[in-house]
Protein backbone atom coordinates (compact mmCIF):
# COMPACT_ATOMS: atom_id res chain seq x y z
CA UNK A 1 0.00 0.00 0.00
CA UNK A 2 2.76 2.46 0.92
CA UNK A 3 4.46 1.95 -2.46
CA UNK A 4 1.20 2.74 -4.30
CA UNK A 5 0.85 6.02 -2.40
CA UNK A 6 4.47 6.94 -3.17
CA UNK A 7 3.86 6.27 -6.86
CA UNK A 8 0.77 8.47 -6.88
CA UNK A 9 2.71 11.27 -5.21
CA UNK A 10 5.45 10.89 -7.81
CA UNK A 11 2.85 11.21 -10.60
CA UNK A 12 1.66 14.37 -8.88
CA UNK A 13 5.21 15.68 -8.82
CA UNK A 14 5.45 15.05 -12.56
CA UNK A 15 2.16 16.84 -13.18
CA UNK A 16 3.33 19.83 -11.14
CA UNK A 17 6.76 19.88 -12.84
CA UNK A 18 5.24 19.87 -16.33
CA UNK A 19 2.77 22.61 -15.43
CA UNK A 20 5.47 24.82 -13.93
CA UNK A 21 7.85 24.20 -16.85
CA UNK A 22 5.07 25.43 -19.13
CA UNK A 23 4.48 28.47 -16.88
CA UNK A 24 0.76 27.93 -16.51
CA UNK A 25 -1.37 28.27 -13.40
CA UNK A 26 -3.72 25.55 -12.26
CA UNK A 27 -6.65 27.85 -13.06
CA UNK A 28 -5.53 28.49 -16.64
CA UNK A 29 -4.69 24.84 -17.17
CA UNK A 30 -8.14 23.77 -15.97
CA UNK A 31 -9.77 26.34 -18.26
CA UNK A 32 -7.83 24.90 -21.21
CA UNK A 33 -8.78 21.35 -20.20
CA UNK A 34 -12.44 22.39 -20.02
CA UNK A 35 -12.24 23.85 -23.53
CA UNK A 36 -10.91 20.46 -24.63
CA UNK A 37 -13.82 18.60 -23.03
CA UNK A 38 -12.32 17.61 -19.66
CA UNK A 39 -14.55 18.91 -16.89
CA UNK A 40 -11.80 19.45 -14.30
CA UNK A 41 -11.93 22.14 -11.63
CA UNK A 42 -8.87 23.63 -9.97
CA UNK A 43 -9.49 21.85 -6.67
CA UNK A 44 -9.68 18.49 -8.45
CA UNK A 45 -6.50 19.21 -10.39
CA UNK A 46 -4.75 20.25 -7.17
CA UNK A 47 -5.64 16.82 -5.77
CA UNK A 48 -4.00 15.18 -8.82
CA UNK A 49 -0.79 17.09 -8.12
CA UNK A 50 -0.97 16.27 -4.41
CA UNK A 51 -1.43 12.57 -5.17
CA UNK A 52 -4.83 12.51 -3.48
CA UNK A 53 -6.69 11.47 -6.65
CA UNK A 54 -5.67 9.31 -9.59
CA UNK A 55 -5.80 11.20 -12.86
CA UNK A 56 -7.99 9.88 -15.68
CA UNK A 57 -6.31 8.72 -18.89
CA UNK A 58 -8.42 11.17 -20.93
CA UNK A 59 -6.94 14.06 -18.94
CA UNK A 60 -3.39 12.80 -19.53
CA UNK A 61 -4.10 12.63 -23.27
CA UNK A 62 -5.17 16.29 -23.28
CA UNK A 63 -2.27 17.36 -21.06
CA UNK A 64 0.20 15.72 -23.45
CA UNK A 65 -1.33 17.79 -26.26
CA UNK A 66 -1.23 21.01 -24.22
CA UNK A 67 2.38 20.48 -23.16
CA UNK A 68 3.42 18.94 -26.52
CA UNK A 69 5.24 16.21 -24.61
CA UNK A 70 5.59 12.46 -24.70
CA UNK A 71 3.44 10.39 -22.35
CA UNK A 72 6.58 9.10 -20.65
CA UNK A 73 6.99 12.54 -19.03
CA UNK A 74 3.98 11.82 -16.83
CA UNK A 75 5.46 8.54 -15.60
CA UNK A 76 9.09 9.62 -15.11
CA UNK A 77 10.58 7.99 -12.03
CA UNK A 78 7.63 5.72 -11.28
CA UNK A 79 9.63 2.55 -11.87
CA UNK A 80 12.60 3.52 -9.71
PDB file of N, CA and C in Angstrom:
ATOM      1  N   UNK A   1       0.830  -1.198   0.000  1.00  0.00           N
ATOM      2  CA  UNK A   1       0.000   0.000   0.000  1.00  0.00           C
ATOM      3  C   UNK A   1       0.870   1.257   0.000  1.00  0.00           C
ATOM      4  N   UNK A   2       1.910   1.281   0.827  1.00  0.00           N
ATOM      5  CA  UNK A   2       2.763   2.460   0.916  1.00  0.00           C
ATOM      6  C   UNK A   2       3.411   2.764  -0.427  1.00  0.00           C
ATOM      7  N   UNK A   3       3.832   1.732  -1.159  1.00  0.00           N
ATOM      8  CA  UNK A   3       4.464   1.946  -2.459  1.00  0.00           C
ATOM      9  C   UNK A   3       3.472   2.577  -3.437  1.00  0.00           C
ATOM     10  N   UNK A   4       2.214   2.163  -3.418  1.00  0.00           N
ATOM     11  CA  UNK A   4       1.203   2.740  -4.299  1.00  0.00           C
ATOM     12  C   UNK A   4       1.038   4.230  -4.015  1.00  0.00           C
ATOM     13  N   UNK A   5       0.988   4.613  -2.756  1.00  0.00           N
ATOM     14  CA  UNK A   5       0.849   6.023  -2.399  1.00  0.00           C
ATOM     15  C   UNK A   5       2.063   6.804  -2.894  1.00  0.00           C
ATOM     16  N   UNK A   6       3.259   6.264  -2.713  1.00  0.00           N
ATOM     17  CA  UNK A   6       4.468   6.939  -3.166  1.00  0.00           C
ATOM     18  C   UNK A   6       4.427   7.133  -4.681  1.00  0.00           C
ATOM     19  N   UNK A   7       3.960   6.151  -5.413  1.00  0.00           N
ATOM     20  CA  UNK A   7       3.862   6.270  -6.862  1.00  0.00           C
ATOM     21  C   UNK A   7       2.868   7.356  -7.262  1.00  0.00           C
ATOM     22  N   UNK A   8       1.742   7.435  -6.572  1.00  0.00           N
ATOM     23  CA  UNK A   8       0.768   8.475  -6.880  1.00  0.00           C
ATOM     24  C   UNK A   8       1.352   9.854  -6.605  1.00  0.00           C
ATOM     25  N   UNK A   9       2.084   9.988  -5.519  1.00  0.00           N
ATOM     26  CA  UNK A   9       2.707  11.266  -5.212  1.00  0.00           C
ATOM     27  C   UNK A   9       3.733  11.634  -6.271  1.00  0.00           C
ATOM     28  N   UNK A  10       4.463  10.635  -6.771  1.00  0.00           N
ATOM     29  CA  UNK A  10       5.447  10.886  -7.813  1.00  0.00           C
ATOM     30  C   UNK A  10       4.752  11.361  -9.081  1.00  0.00           C
ATOM     31  N   UNK A  11       3.619  10.764  -9.434  1.00  0.00           N
ATOM     32  CA  UNK A  11       2.847  11.206 -10.596  1.00  0.00           C
ATOM     33  C   UNK A  11       2.431  12.658 -10.387  1.00  0.00           C
ATOM     34  N   UNK A  12       2.026  12.985  -9.184  1.00  0.00           N
ATOM     35  CA  UNK A  12       1.661  14.368  -8.876  1.00  0.00           C
ATOM     36  C   UNK A  12       2.831  15.309  -9.052  1.00  0.00           C
ATOM     37  N   UNK A  13       4.003  14.866  -8.636  1.00  0.00           N
ATOM     38  CA  UNK A  13       5.208  15.683  -8.822  1.00  0.00           C
ATOM     39  C   UNK A  13       5.466  15.925 -10.301  1.00  0.00           C
ATOM     40  N   UNK A  14       5.258  14.907 -11.115  1.00  0.00           N
ATOM     41  CA  UNK A  14       5.453  15.054 -12.561  1.00  0.00           C
ATOM     42  C   UNK A  14       4.427  16.010 -13.156  1.00  0.00           C
ATOM     43  N   UNK A  15       3.191  15.925 -12.700  1.00  0.00           N
ATOM     44  CA  UNK A  15       2.156  16.840 -13.179  1.00  0.00           C
ATOM     45  C   UNK A  15       2.507  18.284 -12.825  1.00  0.00           C
ATOM     46  N   UNK A  16       2.952  18.484 -11.590  1.00  0.00           N
ATOM     47  CA  UNK A  16       3.331  19.825 -11.139  1.00  0.00           C
ATOM     48  C   UNK A  16       4.542  20.337 -11.928  1.00  0.00           C
ATOM     49  N   UNK A  17       5.554  19.488 -12.110  1.00  0.00           N
ATOM     50  CA  UNK A  17       6.756  19.881 -12.844  1.00  0.00           C
ATOM     51  C   UNK A  17       6.410  20.315 -14.265  1.00  0.00           C
ATOM     52  N   UNK A  18       5.612  19.535 -14.950  1.00  0.00           N
ATOM     53  CA  UNK A  18       5.238  19.870 -16.326  1.00  0.00           C
ATOM     54  C   UNK A  18       4.462  21.183 -16.388  1.00  0.00           C
ATOM     55  N   UNK A  19       3.561  21.372 -15.437  1.00  0.00           N
ATOM     56  CA  UNK A  19       2.773  22.611 -15.430  1.00  0.00           C
ATOM     57  C   UNK A  19       3.672  23.818 -15.193  1.00  0.00           C
ATOM     58  N   UNK A  20       4.578  23.707 -14.239  1.00  0.00           N
ATOM     59  CA  UNK A  20       5.468  24.819 -13.934  1.00  0.00           C
ATOM     60  C   UNK A  20       6.451  25.085 -15.069  1.00  0.00           C
ATOM     61  N   UNK A  21       6.949  24.021 -15.705  1.00  0.00           N
ATOM     62  CA  UNK A  21       7.848  24.198 -16.853  1.00  0.00           C
ATOM     63  C   UNK A  21       7.158  24.950 -17.989  1.00  0.00           C
ATOM     64  N   UNK A  22       5.847  24.761 -18.093  1.00  0.00           N
ATOM     65  CA  UNK A  22       5.074  25.429 -19.131  1.00  0.00           C
ATOM     66  C   UNK A  22       4.498  26.763 -18.662  1.00  0.00           C
ATOM     67  N   UNK A  23       4.860  27.156 -17.448  1.00  0.00           N
ATOM     68  CA  UNK A  23       4.484  28.468 -16.878  1.00  0.00           C
ATOM     69  C   UNK A  23       2.981  28.737 -16.986  1.00  0.00           C
ATOM     70  N   UNK A  24       2.212  27.785 -16.476  1.00  0.00           N
ATOM     71  CA  UNK A  24       0.762  27.927 -16.510  1.00  0.00           C
ATOM     72  C   UNK A  24       0.208  27.664 -15.109  1.00  0.00           C
ATOM     73  N   UNK A  25      -0.755  28.459 -14.711  1.00  0.00           N
ATOM     74  CA  UNK A  25      -1.374  28.272 -13.398  1.00  0.00           C
ATOM     75  C   UNK A  25      -2.365  27.112 -13.460  1.00  0.00           C
ATOM     76  N   UNK A  26      -2.716  26.603 -12.300  1.00  0.00           N
ATOM     77  CA  UNK A  26      -3.725  25.550 -12.256  1.00  0.00           C
ATOM     78  C   UNK A  26      -5.042  26.050 -12.843  1.00  0.00           C
ATOM     79  N   UNK A  27      -5.391  27.292 -12.563  1.00  0.00           N
ATOM     80  CA  UNK A  27      -6.651  27.846 -13.061  1.00  0.00           C
ATOM     81  C   UNK A  27      -6.672  27.889 -14.586  1.00  0.00           C
ATOM     82  N   UNK A  28      -5.589  28.400 -15.179  1.00  0.00           N
ATOM     83  CA  UNK A  28      -5.534  28.489 -16.642  1.00  0.00           C
ATOM     84  C   UNK A  28      -5.481  27.114 -17.282  1.00  0.00           C
ATOM     85  N   UNK A  29      -4.767  26.195 -16.639  1.00  0.00           N
ATOM     86  CA  UNK A  29      -4.695  24.839 -17.168  1.00  0.00           C
ATOM     87  C   UNK A  29      -6.077  24.189 -17.156  1.00  0.00           C
ATOM     88  N   UNK A  30      -6.797  24.351 -16.066  1.00  0.00           N
ATOM     89  CA  UNK A  30      -8.142  23.767 -15.970  1.00  0.00           C
ATOM     90  C   UNK A  30      -9.083  24.389 -16.992  1.00  0.00           C
ATOM     91  N   UNK A  31      -8.945  25.691 -17.235  1.00  0.00           N
ATOM     92  CA  UNK A  31      -9.770  26.343 -18.258  1.00  0.00           C
ATOM     93  C   UNK A  31      -9.476  25.739 -19.627  1.00  0.00           C
ATOM     94  N   UNK A  32      -8.202  25.507 -19.927  1.00  0.00           N
ATOM     95  CA  UNK A  32      -7.827  24.896 -21.208  1.00  0.00           C
ATOM     96  C   UNK A  32      -8.343  23.463 -21.298  1.00  0.00           C
ATOM     97  N   UNK A  33      -8.257  22.721 -20.209  1.00  0.00           N
ATOM     98  CA  UNK A  33      -8.784  21.352 -20.203  1.00  0.00           C
ATOM     99  C   UNK A  33     -10.292  21.352 -20.428  1.00  0.00           C
ATOM    100  N   UNK A  34     -10.995  22.321 -19.844  1.00  0.00           N
ATOM    101  CA  UNK A  34     -12.442  22.395 -20.022  1.00  0.00           C
ATOM    102  C   UNK A  34     -12.797  22.696 -21.475  1.00  0.00           C
ATOM    103  N   UNK A  35     -12.022  23.563 -22.108  1.00  0.00           N
ATOM    104  CA  UNK A  35     -12.236  23.851 -23.534  1.00  0.00           C
ATOM    105  C   UNK A  35     -12.092  22.580 -24.358  1.00  0.00           C
ATOM    106  N   UNK A  36     -11.186  21.707 -23.915  1.00  0.00           N
ATOM    107  CA  UNK A  36     -10.913  20.463 -24.629  1.00  0.00           C
ATOM    108  C   UNK A  36     -11.820  19.313 -24.196  1.00  0.00           C
ATOM    109  N   UNK A  37     -12.825  19.604 -23.381  1.00  0.00           N
ATOM    110  CA  UNK A  37     -13.821  18.602 -23.028  1.00  0.00           C
ATOM    111  C   UNK A  37     -13.586  17.852 -21.731  1.00  0.00           C
ATOM    112  N   UNK A  38     -12.577  18.241 -20.960  1.00  0.00           N
ATOM    113  CA  UNK A  38     -12.319  17.614 -19.657  1.00  0.00           C
ATOM    114  C   UNK A  38     -12.871  18.532 -18.575  1.00  0.00           C
ATOM    115  N   UNK A  39     -13.910  18.090 -17.909  1.00  0.00           N
ATOM    116  CA  UNK A  39     -14.551  18.911 -16.887  1.00  0.00           C
ATOM    117  C   UNK A  39     -13.788  18.779 -15.570  1.00  0.00           C
ATOM    118  N   UNK A  40     -12.682  19.512 -15.455  1.00  0.00           N
ATOM    119  CA  UNK A  40     -11.804  19.448 -14.296  1.00  0.00           C
ATOM    120  C   UNK A  40     -11.744  20.830 -13.644  1.00  0.00           C
ATOM    121  N   UNK A  41     -12.062  20.892 -12.373  1.00  0.00           N
ATOM    122  CA  UNK A  41     -11.932  22.138 -11.627  1.00  0.00           C
ATOM    123  C   UNK A  41     -10.549  22.234 -10.997  1.00  0.00           C
ATOM    124  N   UNK A  42     -10.182  23.424 -10.546  1.00  0.00           N
ATOM    125  CA  UNK A  42      -8.866  23.633  -9.970  1.00  0.00           C
ATOM    126  C   UNK A  42      -8.652  22.778  -8.725  1.00  0.00           C
ATOM    127  N   UNK A  43      -9.661  22.645  -7.895  1.00  0.00           N
ATOM    128  CA  UNK A  43      -9.489  21.854  -6.673  1.00  0.00           C
ATOM    129  C   UNK A  43      -9.256  20.376  -6.996  1.00  0.00           C
ATOM    130  N   UNK A  44      -9.911  19.874  -8.020  1.00  0.00           N
ATOM    131  CA  UNK A  44      -9.675  18.492  -8.450  1.00  0.00           C
ATOM    132  C   UNK A  44      -8.267  18.340  -8.995  1.00  0.00           C
ATOM    133  N   UNK A  45      -7.847  19.295  -9.829  1.00  0.00           N
ATOM    134  CA  UNK A  45      -6.502  19.211 -10.393  1.00  0.00           C
ATOM    135  C   UNK A  45      -5.445  19.303  -9.293  1.00  0.00           C
ATOM    136  N   UNK A  46      -5.684  20.135  -8.293  1.00  0.00           N
ATOM    137  CA  UNK A  46      -4.746  20.248  -7.172  1.00  0.00           C
ATOM    138  C   UNK A  46      -4.605  18.902  -6.458  1.00  0.00           C
ATOM    139  N   UNK A  47      -5.699  18.148  -6.387  1.00  0.00           N
ATOM    140  CA  UNK A  47      -5.643  16.818  -5.772  1.00  0.00           C
ATOM    141  C   UNK A  47      -4.833  15.850  -6.628  1.00  0.00           C
ATOM    142  N   UNK A  48      -4.866  15.998  -7.946  1.00  0.00           N
ATOM    143  CA  UNK A  48      -4.003  15.177  -8.817  1.00  0.00           C
ATOM    144  C   UNK A  48      -2.544  15.448  -8.490  1.00  0.00           C
ATOM    145  N   UNK A  49      -2.184  16.720  -8.396  1.00  0.00           N
ATOM    146  CA  UNK A  49      -0.793  17.090  -8.122  1.00  0.00           C
ATOM    147  C   UNK A  49      -0.358  16.676  -6.721  1.00  0.00           C
ATOM    148  N   UNK A  50      -1.278  16.662  -5.780  1.00  0.00           N
ATOM    149  CA  UNK A  50      -0.971  16.269  -4.409  1.00  0.00           C
ATOM    150  C   UNK A  50      -0.955  14.750  -4.238  1.00  0.00           C
ATOM    151  N   UNK A  51      -1.378  14.021  -5.260  1.00  0.00           N
ATOM    152  CA  UNK A  51      -1.429  12.569  -5.172  1.00  0.00           C
ATOM    153  C   UNK A  51      -2.629  12.054  -4.408  1.00  0.00           C
ATOM    154  N   UNK A  52      -3.630  12.897  -4.216  1.00  0.00           N
ATOM    155  CA  UNK A  52      -4.829  12.506  -3.477  1.00  0.00           C
ATOM    156  C   UNK A  52      -5.864  11.842  -4.372  1.00  0.00           C
ATOM    157  N   UNK A  53      -5.784  12.079  -5.677  1.00  0.00           N
ATOM    158  CA  UNK A  53      -6.686  11.468  -6.653  1.00  0.00           C
ATOM    159  C   UNK A  53      -5.857  10.931  -7.810  1.00  0.00           C
ATOM    160  N   UNK A  54      -6.301   9.822  -8.376  1.00  0.00           N
ATOM    161  CA  UNK A  54      -5.672   9.314  -9.586  1.00  0.00           C
ATOM    162  C   UNK A  54      -6.254  10.053 -10.784  1.00  0.00           C
ATOM    163  N   UNK A  55      -5.385  10.447 -11.687  1.00  0.00           N
ATOM    164  CA  UNK A  55      -5.804  11.198 -12.856  1.00  0.00           C
ATOM    165  C   UNK A  55      -6.351  10.253 -13.924  1.00  0.00           C
ATOM    166  N   UNK A  56      -7.396  10.681 -14.616  1.00  0.00           N
ATOM    167  CA  UNK A  56      -7.990   9.877 -15.684  1.00  0.00           C
ATOM    168  C   UNK A  56      -7.102   9.909 -16.923  1.00  0.00           C
ATOM    169  N   UNK A  57      -7.116   8.820 -17.663  1.00  0.00           N
ATOM    170  CA  UNK A  57      -6.313   8.723 -18.891  1.00  0.00           C
ATOM    171  C   UNK A  57      -6.709   9.810 -19.884  1.00  0.00           C
ATOM    172  N   UNK A  58      -7.981  10.142 -19.974  1.00  0.00           N
ATOM    173  CA  UNK A  58      -8.425  11.165 -20.930  1.00  0.00           C
ATOM    174  C   UNK A  58      -7.816  12.528 -20.609  1.00  0.00           C
ATOM    175  N   UNK A  59      -7.568  12.797 -19.334  1.00  0.00           N
ATOM    176  CA  UNK A  59      -6.942  14.060 -18.940  1.00  0.00           C
ATOM    177  C   UNK A  59      -5.462  14.046 -19.328  1.00  0.00           C
ATOM    178  N   UNK A  60      -4.803  12.907 -19.138  1.00  0.00           N
ATOM    179  CA  UNK A  60      -3.394  12.796 -19.528  1.00  0.00           C
ATOM    180  C   UNK A  60      -3.239  12.997 -21.028  1.00  0.00           C
ATOM    181  N   UNK A  61      -4.152  12.458 -21.815  1.00  0.00           N
ATOM    182  CA  UNK A  61      -4.102  12.634 -23.273  1.00  0.00           C
ATOM    183  C   UNK A  61      -4.153  14.124 -23.617  1.00  0.00           C
ATOM    184  N   UNK A  62      -5.054  14.855 -22.988  1.00  0.00           N
ATOM    185  CA  UNK A  62      -5.170  16.290 -23.282  1.00  0.00           C
ATOM    186  C   UNK A  62      -3.961  17.074 -22.752  1.00  0.00           C
ATOM    187  N   UNK A  63      -3.448  16.684 -21.591  1.00  0.00           N
ATOM    188  CA  UNK A  63      -2.268  17.363 -21.056  1.00  0.00           C
ATOM    189  C   UNK A  63      -1.067  17.168 -21.974  1.00  0.00           C
ATOM    190  N   UNK A  64      -0.909  15.979 -22.522  1.00  0.00           N
ATOM    191  CA  UNK A  64       0.201  15.725 -23.446  1.00  0.00           C
ATOM    192  C   UNK A  64       0.091  16.628 -24.669  1.00  0.00           C
ATOM    193  N   UNK A  65      -1.119  16.887 -25.125  1.00  0.00           N
ATOM    194  CA  UNK A  65      -1.325  17.795 -26.260  1.00  0.00           C
ATOM    195  C   UNK A  65      -1.014  19.238 -25.856  1.00  0.00           C
ATOM    196  N   UNK A  66      -1.468  19.647 -24.688  1.00  0.00           N
ATOM    197  CA  UNK A  66      -1.231  21.012 -24.215  1.00  0.00           C
ATOM    198  C   UNK A  66       0.256  21.267 -24.049  1.00  0.00           C
ATOM    199  N   UNK A  67       0.954  20.315 -23.431  1.00  0.00           N
ATOM    200  CA  UNK A  67       2.378  20.477 -23.161  1.00  0.00           C
ATOM    201  C   UNK A  67       3.256  20.066 -24.335  1.00  0.00           C
ATOM    202  N   UNK A  68       2.661  19.457 -25.361  1.00  0.00           N
ATOM    203  CA  UNK A  68       3.419  18.940 -26.517  1.00  0.00           C
ATOM    204  C   UNK A  68       4.569  18.059 -26.029  1.00  0.00           C
ATOM    205  N   UNK A  69       4.223  17.095 -25.175  1.00  0.00           N
ATOM    206  CA  UNK A  69       5.240  16.210 -24.612  1.00  0.00           C
ATOM    207  C   UNK A  69       4.850  14.753 -24.841  1.00  0.00           C
ATOM    208  N   UNK A  70       5.811  13.886 -24.604  1.00  0.00           N
ATOM    209  CA  UNK A  70       5.591  12.457 -24.699  1.00  0.00           C
ATOM    210  C   UNK A  70       4.914  11.973 -23.414  1.00  0.00           C
ATOM    211  N   UNK A  71       4.137  10.923 -23.517  1.00  0.00           N
ATOM    212  CA  UNK A  71       3.443  10.387 -22.345  1.00  0.00           C
ATOM    213  C   UNK A  71       4.410   9.940 -21.258  1.00  0.00           C
ATOM    214  N   UNK A  72       5.605   9.563 -21.638  1.00  0.00           N
ATOM    215  CA  UNK A  72       6.577   9.096 -20.647  1.00  0.00           C
ATOM    216  C   UNK A  72       6.910  10.173 -19.618  1.00  0.00           C
ATOM    217  N   UNK A  73       6.723  11.446 -19.976  1.00  0.00           N
ATOM    218  CA  UNK A  73       6.990  12.543 -19.032  1.00  0.00           C
ATOM    219  C   UNK A  73       6.105  12.439 -17.789  1.00  0.00           C
ATOM    220  N   UNK A  74       4.911  11.928 -17.945  1.00  0.00           N
ATOM    221  CA  UNK A  74       3.978  11.823 -16.826  1.00  0.00           C
ATOM    222  C   UNK A  74       4.373  10.698 -15.860  1.00  0.00           C
ATOM    223  N   UNK A  75       5.124   9.724 -16.383  1.00  0.00           N
ATOM    224  CA  UNK A  75       5.464   8.543 -15.599  1.00  0.00           C
ATOM    225  C   UNK A  75       6.938   8.492 -15.203  1.00  0.00           C
ATOM    226  N   UNK A  76       7.663   9.576 -15.421  1.00  0.00           N
ATOM    227  CA  UNK A  76       9.093   9.616 -15.107  1.00  0.00           C
ATOM    228  C   UNK A  76       9.318   9.284 -13.631  1.00  0.00           C
ATOM    229  N   UNK A  77      10.212   8.353 -13.392  1.00  0.00           N
ATOM    230  CA  UNK A  77      10.580   7.991 -12.033  1.00  0.00           C
ATOM    231  C   UNK A  77       9.663   7.016 -11.332  1.00  0.00           C
ATOM    232  N   UNK A  78       8.574   6.613 -11.954  1.00  0.00           N
ATOM    233  CA  UNK A  78       7.635   5.718 -11.279  1.00  0.00           C
ATOM    234  C   UNK A  78       8.170   4.308 -11.129  1.00  0.00           C
ATOM    235  N   UNK A  79       9.116   3.917 -11.955  1.00  0.00           N
ATOM    236  CA  UNK A  79       9.629   2.554 -11.873  1.00  0.00           C
ATOM    237  C   UNK A  79      10.955   2.463 -11.129  1.00  0.00           C
ATOM    238  N   UNK A  80      11.350   3.542 -10.492  1.00  0.00           N
ATOM    239  CA  UNK A  80      12.605   3.521  -9.713  1.00  0.00           C
ATOM    240  C   UNK A  80      12.421   2.819  -8.387  1.00  0.00           C
TER     241      UNK A  80
END
